[in-house]
Amino acid sequence: MLKNKYCKVGDRPVKGIQSKEGFGVYVFNWETGNFDLDLGYLEKIYFGSMDDVEELTKEEFEIYTKRLRAEFKKQKKLHKFVKLF
């Protein structure tokens, strides 16, 4: 069984977690601010080169994700404002 893992791949938060539904790898979606299942990252964060993968603690991951979501909301509001003109 794979252990839970919290990472940044480049700037993107990626987590591999075991849940009641089973194991999944979830990546931050830049368009929605949510996490989407994407097993394409499985090999990269567990078995691949760590060149662009930074492993984080769960707490560091949550702080980083929270900061990205705040920035996402700010950009979304700005985008709505710009559309008015």
N, C-alpha and C. Protein backbone atom coordinates (compact mmCIF):
# COMPACT_ATOMS: atom_id res chain seq x y z
N MET A 1 0.84 -1.17 0.00
CA MET A 1 0.00 0.00 0.00
C MET A 1 0.89 1.24 0.00
N LEU A 2 0.51 2.23 -0.79
CA LEU A 2 1.26 3.48 -0.87
C LEU A 2 0.87 4.39 0.29
N LYS A 3 1.85 5.12 0.79
CA LYS A 3 1.56 6.06 1.88
C LYS A 3 0.99 7.35 1.30
N ASN A 4 0.24 8.07 2.12
CA ASN A 4 -0.25 9.38 1.70
C ASN A 4 0.95 10.27 1.43
N LYS A 5 0.84 11.06 0.38
CA LYS A 5 1.96 11.92 -0.01
C LYS A 5 1.40 13.26 -0.47
N TYR A 6 2.05 14.33 -0.04
CA TYR A 6 1.64 15.69 -0.37
C TYR A 6 2.83 16.37 -1.03
N CYS A 7 2.62 16.89 -2.23
CA CYS A 7 3.75 17.42 -3.01
C CYS A 7 3.36 18.68 -3.77
N LYS A 8 4.41 19.34 -4.23
CA LYS A 8 4.28 20.35 -5.28
C LYS A 8 5.03 19.78 -6.47
N VAL A 9 4.37 19.72 -7.60
CA VAL A 9 5.01 19.32 -8.85
C VAL A 9 5.09 20.60 -9.66
N GLY A 10 6.30 21.16 -9.73
CA GLY A 10 6.41 22.52 -10.22
C GLY A 10 5.73 23.40 -9.18
N ASP A 11 4.71 24.13 -9.59
CA ASP A 11 3.93 24.95 -8.66
C ASP A 11 2.60 24.29 -8.29
N ARG A 12 2.27 23.17 -8.91
CA ARG A 12 0.96 22.55 -8.74
C ARG A 12 0.93 21.62 -7.53
N PRO A 13 -0.04 21.83 -6.62
CA PRO A 13 -0.22 20.88 -5.52
C PRO A 13 -0.77 19.55 -6.04
N VAL A 14 -0.17 18.47 -5.58
CA VAL A 14 -0.58 17.12 -5.97
C VAL A 14 -0.54 16.26 -4.71
N LYS A 15 -1.61 15.50 -4.49
CA LYS A 15 -1.63 14.63 -3.31
C LYS A 15 -2.05 13.23 -3.70
N GLY A 16 -1.36 12.27 -3.13
CA GLY A 16 -1.73 10.87 -3.27
C GLY A 16 -2.28 10.43 -1.93
N ILE A 17 -3.56 10.08 -1.90
CA ILE A 17 -4.18 9.75 -0.61
C ILE A 17 -5.05 8.50 -0.69
N GLN A 18 -5.07 7.81 0.43
CA GLN A 18 -5.92 6.64 0.61
C GLN A 18 -7.19 7.12 1.32
N SER A 19 -8.34 6.76 0.78
CA SER A 19 -9.61 7.12 1.41
C SER A 19 -10.51 5.89 1.45
N LYS A 20 -11.71 6.06 1.94
CA LYS A 20 -12.66 4.95 1.98
C LYS A 20 -12.96 4.42 0.59
N GLU A 21 -12.91 5.32 -0.40
CA GLU A 21 -13.20 4.93 -1.78
C GLU A 21 -12.02 4.23 -2.45
N GLY A 22 -10.85 4.32 -1.84
CA GLY A 22 -9.66 3.72 -2.42
C GLY A 22 -8.55 4.75 -2.55
N PHE A 23 -7.53 4.39 -3.27
CA PHE A 23 -6.38 5.27 -3.43
C PHE A 23 -6.56 6.14 -4.66
N GLY A 24 -6.15 7.40 -4.55
CA GLY A 24 -6.22 8.29 -5.70
C GLY A 24 -5.14 9.35 -5.65
N VAL A 25 -4.81 9.87 -6.80
CA VAL A 25 -3.88 11.00 -6.91
C VAL A 25 -4.70 12.17 -7.42
N TYR A 26 -4.64 13.26 -6.68
CA TYR A 26 -5.46 14.43 -6.98
C TYR A 26 -4.57 15.63 -7.24
N VAL A 27 -4.88 16.34 -8.32
CA VAL A 27 -4.08 17.50 -8.71
C VAL A 27 -4.93 18.76 -8.66
N PHE A 28 -4.29 19.85 -8.30
CA PHE A 28 -4.96 21.14 -8.23
C PHE A 28 -5.34 21.59 -9.63
N ASN A 29 -6.59 21.97 -9.79
CA ASN A 29 -7.10 22.44 -11.07
C ASN A 29 -7.01 23.97 -11.06
N TRP A 30 -6.18 24.53 -11.94
CA TRP A 30 -5.96 25.98 -11.97
C TRP A 30 -7.21 26.75 -12.37
N GLU A 31 -8.15 26.11 -13.06
CA GLU A 31 -9.35 26.80 -13.51
C GLU A 31 -10.46 26.82 -12.47
N THR A 32 -10.50 25.82 -11.59
CA THR A 32 -11.60 25.74 -10.62
C THR A 32 -11.15 25.97 -9.18
N GLY A 33 -9.87 25.76 -8.91
CA GLY A 33 -9.38 25.86 -7.53
C GLY A 33 -9.65 24.60 -6.72
N ASN A 34 -10.16 23.56 -7.36
CA ASN A 34 -10.45 22.30 -6.69
C ASN A 34 -9.41 21.25 -7.10
N PHE A 35 -9.53 20.07 -6.52
CA PHE A 35 -8.65 18.96 -6.87
C PHE A 35 -9.40 17.98 -7.75
N ASP A 36 -8.73 17.51 -8.79
CA ASP A 36 -9.28 16.53 -9.71
C ASP A 36 -8.44 15.26 -9.66
N LEU A 37 -9.11 14.13 -9.77
CA LEU A 37 -8.42 12.85 -9.84
C LEU A 37 -7.59 12.80 -11.12
N ASP A 38 -6.32 12.46 -11.00
CA ASP A 38 -5.45 12.37 -12.17
C ASP A 38 -4.33 11.38 -11.86
N LEU A 39 -4.57 10.13 -12.22
CA LEU A 39 -3.58 9.10 -11.94
C LEU A 39 -2.33 9.23 -12.79
N GLY A 40 -2.33 10.16 -13.73
CA GLY A 40 -1.15 10.43 -14.53
C GLY A 40 0.03 10.92 -13.70
N TYR A 41 -0.25 11.43 -12.51
CA TYR A 41 0.81 11.90 -11.62
C TYR A 41 1.31 10.82 -10.67
N LEU A 42 0.69 9.66 -10.67
CA LEU A 42 1.06 8.58 -9.74
C LEU A 42 2.54 8.23 -9.84
N GLU A 43 2.99 7.94 -11.03
CA GLU A 43 4.39 7.54 -11.20
C GLU A 43 5.33 8.67 -10.82
N LYS A 44 4.97 9.88 -11.20
CA LYS A 44 5.84 11.03 -10.95
C LYS A 44 6.09 11.25 -9.46
N ILE A 45 5.02 11.19 -8.64
CA ILE A 45 5.22 11.51 -7.23
C ILE A 45 5.67 10.32 -6.39
N TYR A 46 5.46 9.11 -6.88
CA TYR A 46 5.86 7.94 -6.10
C TYR A 46 7.10 7.22 -6.63
N PHE A 47 7.26 7.20 -7.93
CA PHE A 47 8.32 6.36 -8.49
C PHE A 47 9.27 7.09 -9.42
N GLY A 48 8.91 8.30 -9.82
CA GLY A 48 9.69 9.01 -10.83
C GLY A 48 10.81 9.84 -10.24
N SER A 49 11.39 10.61 -11.11
CA SER A 49 12.45 11.53 -10.73
C SER A 49 11.86 12.62 -9.83
N MET A 50 12.58 13.00 -8.83
CA MET A 50 12.12 14.03 -7.90
C MET A 50 12.61 15.41 -8.31
N ASP A 51 13.09 15.56 -9.55
CA ASP A 51 13.66 16.83 -9.99
C ASP A 51 12.71 18.01 -9.80
N ASP A 52 11.46 17.86 -10.19
CA ASP A 52 10.52 18.97 -10.05
C ASP A 52 9.40 18.65 -9.05
N VAL A 53 9.66 17.68 -8.16
CA VAL A 53 8.69 17.30 -7.14
C VAL A 53 9.25 17.66 -5.77
N GLU A 54 8.50 18.46 -5.04
CA GLU A 54 8.89 18.82 -3.67
C GLU A 54 7.88 18.20 -2.72
N GLU A 55 8.33 17.30 -1.87
CA GLU A 55 7.43 16.68 -0.90
C GLU A 55 7.21 17.64 0.27
N LEU A 56 5.95 17.78 0.68
CA LEU A 56 5.56 18.67 1.77
C LEU A 56 4.90 17.87 2.88
N THR A 57 4.88 18.45 4.07
CA THR A 57 4.06 17.86 5.12
C THR A 57 2.60 18.17 4.78
N LYS A 58 1.69 17.48 5.42
CA LYS A 58 0.27 17.74 5.18
C LYS A 58 -0.06 19.20 5.53
N GLU A 59 0.51 19.69 6.61
CA GLU A 59 0.24 21.07 7.04
C GLU A 59 0.79 22.08 6.03
N GLU A 60 2.01 21.86 5.55
CA GLU A 60 2.59 22.75 4.54
C GLU A 60 1.74 22.74 3.26
N PHE A 61 1.29 21.56 2.89
CA PHE A 61 0.46 21.40 1.70
C PHE A 61 -0.84 22.18 1.85
N GLU A 62 -1.48 22.07 3.00
CA GLU A 62 -2.75 22.77 3.23
C GLU A 62 -2.56 24.28 3.21
N ILE A 63 -1.48 24.76 3.80
CA ILE A 63 -1.19 26.20 3.80
C ILE A 63 -0.95 26.69 2.36
N TYR A 64 -0.16 25.94 1.61
CA TYR A 64 0.14 26.32 0.23
C TYR A 64 -1.14 26.33 -0.61
N THR A 65 -1.96 25.30 -0.45
CA THR A 65 -3.21 25.21 -1.21
C THR A 65 -4.16 26.35 -0.83
N LYS A 66 -4.23 26.66 0.44
CA LYS A 66 -5.09 27.76 0.90
C LYS A 66 -4.64 29.08 0.27
N ARG A 67 -3.34 29.29 0.20
CA ARG A 67 -2.80 30.51 -0.41
C ARG A 67 -3.15 30.57 -1.91
N LEU A 68 -3.02 29.43 -2.60
CA LEU A 68 -3.37 29.39 -4.02
C LEU A 68 -4.85 29.67 -4.24
N ARG A 69 -5.69 29.10 -3.39
CA ARG A 69 -7.13 29.33 -3.53
C ARG A 69 -7.49 30.79 -3.28
N ALA A 70 -6.84 31.43 -2.32
CA ALA A 70 -7.08 32.85 -2.07
C ALA A 70 -6.68 33.67 -3.29
N GLU A 71 -5.56 33.33 -3.89
CA GLU A 71 -5.11 34.02 -5.10
C GLU A 71 -6.08 33.75 -6.25
N PHE A 72 -6.56 32.52 -6.33
CA PHE A 72 -7.52 32.13 -7.36
C PHE A 72 -8.79 32.98 -7.24
N LYS A 73 -9.30 33.12 -6.01
CA LYS A 73 -10.52 33.91 -5.79
C LYS A 73 -10.29 35.38 -6.15
N LYS A 74 -9.12 35.89 -5.80
CA LYS A 74 -8.79 37.28 -6.11
C LYS A 74 -8.77 37.49 -7.62
N GLN A 75 -8.14 36.57 -8.34
CA GLN A 75 -8.06 36.67 -9.80
C GLN A 75 -9.43 36.54 -10.44
N LYS A 76 -10.26 35.67 -9.87
CA LYS A 76 -11.60 35.47 -10.40
C LYS A 76 -12.43 36.74 -10.24
N LYS A 77 -12.32 37.39 -9.08
CA LYS A 77 -13.04 38.65 -8.85
C LYS A 77 -12.54 39.73 -9.81
N LEU A 78 -11.24 39.79 -10.00
CA LEU A 78 -10.65 40.77 -10.91
C LEU A 78 -11.15 40.52 -12.33
N HIS A 79 -11.20 39.26 -12.72
CA HIS A 79 -11.67 38.90 -14.06
C HIS A 79 -13.13 39.34 -14.26
N LYS A 80 -13.97 39.12 -13.24
CA LYS A 80 -15.37 39.55 -13.33
C LYS A 80 -15.46 41.07 -13.44
N PHE A 81 -14.62 41.77 -12.69
CA PHE A 81 -14.62 43.23 -12.71
C PHE A 81 -14.21 43.74 -14.09
N VAL A 82 -13.18 43.15 -14.66
CA VAL A 82 -12.69 43.57 -15.98
C VAL A 82 -13.75 43.32 -17.04
N LYS A 83 -14.53 42.25 -16.91
CA LYS A 83 -15.58 41.95 -17.88
C LYS A 83 -16.65 43.04 -17.91
N LEU A 84 -16.80 43.78 -16.82
CA LEU A 84 -17.81 44.83 -16.77
C LEU A 84 -17.48 45.98 -17.71
N PHE A 85 -16.22 46.13 -18.06
CA PHE A 85 -15.80 47.27 -18.89
C PHE A 85 -15.53 46.89 -20.29
